[in-house]
C-alpha cells in the first residue's frame, strides 16, 4: 500500500489526462491532470467482488468512462460523489444513472434514515464501506470509510488546502461526527481528500486558479490532522473564522 513519489502537478505539458495509481490491487486513486483543469481533483475507485464504487467524476473536461471501465472490468459500477460541486460531478454524463447530487437523493440512495446522522453501509461484495453524511462544505457531502484499507475519503471537507465552509454550524458538527466515528473504533491509516492546494511549506497555499503546483504537499494526511481540525473548530466557537494550520486552511465563505 503505497503512494506515488509525485502526483501530476501540472508542470508536464505531455502528462496524461489522468494519473492512475493503484494503492493496492483493489483500490485505485486517480488524479485528473492540472493540465486539463486547475482543480486537479482526485477520484477514487474501490473494487469489490461484485461491484465497484467510483467516487466523483471530475470536471468533465476529459473522457473518463473508458478508463473506469478498463479498471472496473465486469463489476457493476456505482457512480457516486463526495458532493455535488461541478468539479466532482462534471463527468456524470458519461455514466448511466449516477447517484443524484442533492442531499435528499444521496440520503435515499444510501439509506440514511435521519440525514445527516448515523452511519450506513455499502457492500461491494467482500468489501464493506461505511458512509457518513458530512454537510457544511456542501449540503450533500459524504465521507467514505473503507474497512479493508482503513482509508477515510473526505472529499472537500479535509484535504491539504482551503476548506471552503458554506454552513459553519453544519461543518463543525460534521467534522465532530467524523472524529467521533474514528474514536468509536474505526481506525484510520490515512485521510485522503479531493484536492491538493498547499505547498510543502507549512500552511502556504497556491494562488486560486493555479494550474501548476510545483513542490506540492502530499495528498495523504495522518488521522491526527483530523483530530487537529476537530479541536480547532471546537475552539473557534459559533462564529465563522479563518483557521490556518500546517496541513489545512479553514476558509469560511
Protein backbone atom coordinates (compact mmCIF):
# COMPACT_ATOMS: atom_id res chain seq x y z
CA UNK A 1 0.00 0.00 0.00
CA UNK A 2 1.92 2.97 -1.31
CA UNK A 3 1.58 6.46 -2.73
CA UNK A 4 3.47 7.80 -5.75
CA UNK A 5 6.59 9.84 -5.16
CA UNK A 6 4.96 12.69 -7.07
CA UNK A 7 1.48 13.43 -8.33
CA UNK A 8 0.97 15.11 -11.69
CA UNK A 9 1.43 18.73 -10.66
CA UNK A 10 0.64 20.42 -13.98
CA UNK A 11 4.24 21.17 -14.90
CA UNK A 12 4.48 18.46 -17.58
CA UNK A 13 2.64 19.54 -20.77
CA UNK A 14 2.71 15.94 -22.02
CA UNK A 15 1.22 14.32 -18.92
CA UNK A 16 -1.78 12.02 -19.50
CA UNK A 17 -5.27 13.31 -18.78
CA UNK A 18 -5.43 11.11 -15.68
CA UNK A 19 -2.69 9.82 -13.43
CA UNK A 20 -3.64 6.36 -12.20
CA UNK A 21 -2.16 4.91 -9.04
CA UNK A 22 -3.00 1.52 -7.55
CA UNK A 23 -2.82 1.93 -3.80
CA UNK A 24 -3.40 -1.80 -3.69
CA UNK A 25 -4.88 -4.28 -6.14
CA UNK A 26 -8.46 -3.23 -5.30
CA UNK A 27 -8.00 0.48 -4.56
CA UNK A 28 -7.27 2.97 -7.33
CA UNK A 29 -6.51 6.66 -6.84
CA UNK A 30 -6.94 8.78 -9.96
CA UNK A 31 -5.87 12.37 -10.37
CA UNK A 32 -7.25 14.44 -13.19
CA UNK A 33 -4.33 16.38 -14.59
CA UNK A 34 -4.00 20.02 -13.62
CA UNK A 35 -3.17 20.49 -17.29
CA UNK A 36 -6.82 19.72 -18.08
CA UNK A 37 -8.32 21.85 -15.29
CA UNK A 38 -6.84 23.82 -12.42
CA UNK A 39 -8.94 21.91 -9.86
CA UNK A 40 -6.86 18.75 -10.41
CA UNK A 41 -9.41 16.64 -8.48
CA UNK A 42 -8.73 13.21 -7.07
CA UNK A 43 -11.18 10.40 -7.84
CA UNK A 44 -11.36 7.06 -6.07
CA UNK A 45 -12.28 3.67 -7.49
CA UNK A 46 -12.91 0.96 -4.91
CA UNK A 47 -13.26 -2.57 -6.28
CA UNK A 48 -15.29 -5.28 -4.57
CA UNK A 49 -16.00 -8.83 -5.67
CA UNK A 50 -19.29 -7.86 -7.32
CA UNK A 51 -19.46 -4.08 -7.53
CA UNK A 52 -17.13 -1.11 -7.85
CA UNK A 53 -17.63 2.35 -6.42
CA UNK A 54 -16.40 5.37 -8.36
CA UNK A 55 -16.34 8.33 -6.00
CA UNK A 56 -16.52 11.56 -8.07
CA UNK A 57 -16.26 12.01 -11.83
CA UNK A 58 -14.02 15.07 -12.06
CA UNK A 59 -14.61 18.24 -14.04
CA UNK A 60 -15.76 16.66 -17.29
CA UNK A 61 -13.09 18.28 -19.43
CA UNK A 62 -11.59 14.93 -20.48
CA UNK A 63 -13.10 11.47 -21.12
CA UNK A 64 -13.25 9.26 -18.03
CA UNK A 65 -15.54 6.31 -18.73
CA UNK A 66 -13.13 4.25 -20.89
CA UNK A 67 -10.54 4.35 -18.11
CA UNK A 68 -13.04 3.37 -15.44
CA UNK A 69 -14.47 0.51 -17.50
CA UNK A 70 -10.97 -0.83 -18.06
CA UNK A 71 -10.18 -0.73 -14.35
CA UNK A 72 -13.56 -1.99 -13.07
CA UNK A 73 -13.88 -4.87 -15.51
CA UNK A 74 -17.19 -6.73 -15.41
CA UNK A 75 -18.22 -5.43 -11.99
CA UNK A 76 -21.45 -3.46 -11.61
CA UNK A 77 -20.43 0.18 -11.33
CA UNK A 78 -21.84 2.55 -8.71
CA UNK A 79 -21.07 6.18 -9.54
CA UNK A 80 -21.43 8.46 -6.53
CA UNK A 81 -19.91 11.72 -5.34
CA UNK A 82 -18.34 13.19 -2.26
CA UNK A 83 -20.61 16.16 -3.03
CA UNK A 84 -22.38 17.95 -5.86
CA UNK A 85 -19.97 20.70 -6.90
CA UNK A 86 -19.10 20.88 -10.59
CA UNK A 87 -15.52 19.71 -10.29
CA UNK A 88 -16.77 16.45 -8.74
CA UNK A 89 -19.77 15.70 -10.97
CA UNK A 90 -18.59 17.09 -14.33
CA UNK A 91 -18.11 13.66 -15.88
CA UNK A 92 -21.52 12.30 -14.85
CA UNK A 93 -22.89 12.48 -18.37
CA UNK A 94 -20.62 9.63 -19.44
CA UNK A 95 -22.20 7.20 -16.99
CA UNK A 96 -25.56 5.50 -16.61
CA UNK A 97 -27.65 6.55 -13.59
CA UNK A 98 -25.09 8.17 -11.29
CA UNK A 99 -26.31 8.83 -7.76
CA UNK A 100 -28.09 12.19 -7.54
CA UNK A 101 -26.42 15.33 -6.27
CA UNK A 102 -28.90 16.66 -3.69
CA UNK A 103 -28.87 15.70 -0.03
CA UNK A 104 -32.28 14.10 -0.47
CA UNK A 105 -31.12 11.94 -3.38
CA UNK A 106 -27.92 10.90 -1.63
CA UNK A 107 -29.80 10.05 1.59
CA UNK A 108 -32.33 7.98 -0.34
CA UNK A 109 -29.73 6.05 -2.33
CA UNK A 110 -27.55 5.08 0.61
CA UNK A 111 -30.45 4.59 3.03
CA UNK A 112 -29.93 7.32 5.62
CA UNK A 113 -32.91 7.28 7.97
CA UNK A 114 -32.02 10.55 9.71
CA UNK A 115 -29.72 12.61 7.50
CA UNK A 116 -27.12 13.79 8.38
CA UNK A 117 -26.92 11.49 11.40
CA UNK A 118 -25.94 7.83 11.50
CA UNK A 119 -23.61 5.63 9.51
CA UNK A 120 -24.79 3.44 6.62
CA UNK A 121 -23.03 0.64 4.80
CA UNK A 122 -22.40 -0.03 1.13
CA UNK A 123 -21.44 -3.63 0.37
CA UNK A 124 -19.42 -4.07 -2.81
CA UNK A 125 -19.14 -7.82 -2.30
CA UNK A 126 -16.40 -8.86 0.08
CA UNK A 127 -15.74 -5.19 0.84
CA UNK A 128 -17.95 -3.12 3.12
CA UNK A 129 -17.75 0.67 3.14
CA UNK A 130 -19.13 2.97 5.82
CA UNK A 131 -20.78 6.15 4.56
CA UNK A 132 -21.22 9.25 6.72
CA UNK A 133 -23.08 12.44 5.90
CA UNK A 134 -20.88 15.48 6.48
CA UNK A 135 -22.61 18.62 5.13
CA UNK A 136 -21.07 22.03 5.66
CA UNK A 137 -18.96 22.48 2.56
CA UNK A 138 -21.94 21.27 0.52
CA UNK A 139 -25.38 20.07 1.60
CA UNK A 140 -24.94 16.60 0.07
CA UNK A 141 -21.36 15.96 1.22
CA UNK A 142 -20.40 12.47 2.39
CA UNK A 143 -17.29 10.74 3.65
CA UNK A 144 -16.48 7.11 2.91
CA UNK A 145 -14.53 4.83 5.25
CA UNK A 146 -13.03 1.65 3.84
CA UNK A 147 -12.62 -1.02 6.48
CA UNK A 148 -10.22 -3.04 4.35
CA UNK A 149 -7.59 -0.33 3.90
CA UNK A 150 -8.55 1.98 6.79
CA UNK A 151 -8.73 4.87 4.35
CA UNK A 152 -11.09 7.74 5.11
CA UNK A 153 -12.13 9.53 1.92
CA UNK A 154 -13.03 13.04 2.98
CA UNK A 155 -13.71 14.92 -0.27
CA UNK A 156 -13.53 18.69 0.17
CA UNK A 157 -14.11 18.58 3.92
CA UNK A 158 -10.48 17.79 4.74
CA UNK A 159 -7.53 17.87 2.37
CA UNK A 160 -4.23 19.77 2.19
CA UNK A 161 -5.74 23.03 1.03
CA UNK A 162 -8.51 25.57 1.58
CA UNK A 163 -11.53 24.03 3.27
CA UNK A 164 -14.35 26.22 2.00
CA UNK A 165 -17.11 26.35 4.60
CA UNK A 166 -20.56 27.44 3.45
CA UNK A 167 -22.56 26.34 6.51
CA UNK A 168 -20.43 26.87 9.62
CA UNK A 169 -22.64 25.07 12.19
CA UNK A 170 -23.13 22.09 9.87
CA UNK A 171 -19.41 21.88 9.11
CA UNK A 172 -18.42 21.96 12.79
CA UNK A 173 -20.99 19.27 13.60
CA UNK A 174 -19.95 17.12 10.65
CA UNK A 175 -16.25 17.21 11.47
CA UNK A 176 -17.08 16.41 15.10
CA UNK A 177 -19.07 13.35 13.96
CA UNK A 178 -16.14 12.20 11.84
CA UNK A 179 -13.89 12.44 14.85
CA UNK A 180 -16.38 10.51 16.96
CA UNK A 181 -16.66 7.81 14.30
CA UNK A 182 -12.89 7.26 14.33
CA UNK A 183 -12.72 7.33 18.13
CA UNK A 184 -15.52 4.75 18.33
CA UNK A 185 -13.21 2.03 16.99
CA UNK A 186 -12.77 2.74 13.30
CA UNK A 187 -9.01 3.24 12.96
CA UNK A 188 -7.77 5.40 10.11
CA UNK A 189 -4.46 4.86 8.37
CA UNK A 190 -4.79 7.86 6.07
CA UNK A 191 -7.28 10.63 5.34
CA UNK A 192 -7.49 11.23 1.59
CA UNK A 193 -9.25 14.27 0.20
CA UNK A 194 -10.15 15.53 -3.25
CA UNK A 195 -7.52 18.20 -3.93
CA UNK A 196 -4.06 19.47 -3.07
CA UNK A 197 -3.80 23.25 -2.70
CA UNK A 198 -0.86 23.59 -0.31
CA UNK A 199 2.85 23.64 -1.00
CA UNK A 200 5.47 21.80 1.01
CA UNK A 201 5.85 24.98 3.08
CA UNK A 202 3.54 24.60 6.12
CA UNK A 203 0.26 26.42 5.62
CA UNK A 204 1.31 28.07 2.33
CA UNK A 205 -1.25 27.70 -0.46
CA UNK A 206 -1.12 28.27 -4.20
CA UNK A 207 -2.96 31.16 -5.78
CA UNK A 208 -6.59 30.41 -6.52
CA UNK A 209 -6.91 29.01 -10.02
CA UNK A 210 -3.25 28.00 -10.27
CA UNK A 211 -2.85 25.18 -12.80
CA UNK A 212 0.75 24.38 -11.89
CA UNK A 213 1.68 23.14 -8.44
CA UNK A 214 5.44 22.75 -8.08
CA UNK A 215 6.52 21.46 -4.66
CA UNK A 216 3.10 20.14 -3.68
CA UNK A 217 2.11 18.97 -0.24
CA UNK A 218 1.46 15.23 -0.13
CA UNK A 219 -2.14 14.07 -0.60
CA UNK A 220 -2.28 11.73 2.38
CA UNK A 221 -2.95 13.09 5.86
CA UNK A 222 -2.41 11.26 9.12
CA UNK A 223 -5.52 10.84 11.31
CA UNK A 224 -4.01 13.31 13.75
CA UNK A 225 -4.79 16.05 11.24
CA UNK A 226 -8.49 15.20 11.55
CA UNK A 227 -8.17 15.46 15.32
CA UNK A 228 -6.47 18.82 14.87
CA UNK A 229 -9.36 20.03 12.71
CA UNK A 230 -11.94 18.78 15.23
CA UNK A 231 -10.19 20.61 18.06
CA UNK A 232 -9.63 23.79 16.06
CA UNK A 233 -13.30 24.05 15.09
CA UNK A 234 -14.45 23.32 18.63
CA UNK A 235 -12.19 26.06 19.97
CA UNK A 236 -13.29 28.53 17.27
CA UNK A 237 -16.85 28.70 18.56
CA UNK A 238 -20.07 29.61 16.81
CA UNK A 239 -18.83 32.42 14.56
CA UNK A 240 -17.04 31.60 11.30
CA UNK A 241 -13.32 32.28 11.41
CA UNK A 242 -10.37 31.54 9.16
CA UNK A 243 -8.00 29.00 10.68
CA UNK A 244 -4.53 28.43 9.24
CA UNK A 245 -2.62 25.27 10.12
CA UNK A 246 0.27 23.40 8.52
CA UNK A 247 -1.95 20.92 6.68
CA UNK A 248 -5.18 22.83 6.03
CA UNK A 249 -6.78 26.27 5.93
CA UNK A 250 -10.36 26.63 7.14
CA UNK A 251 -11.87 29.18 4.77
CA UNK A 252 -15.41 30.44 5.54
CA UNK A 253 -17.28 31.78 2.50
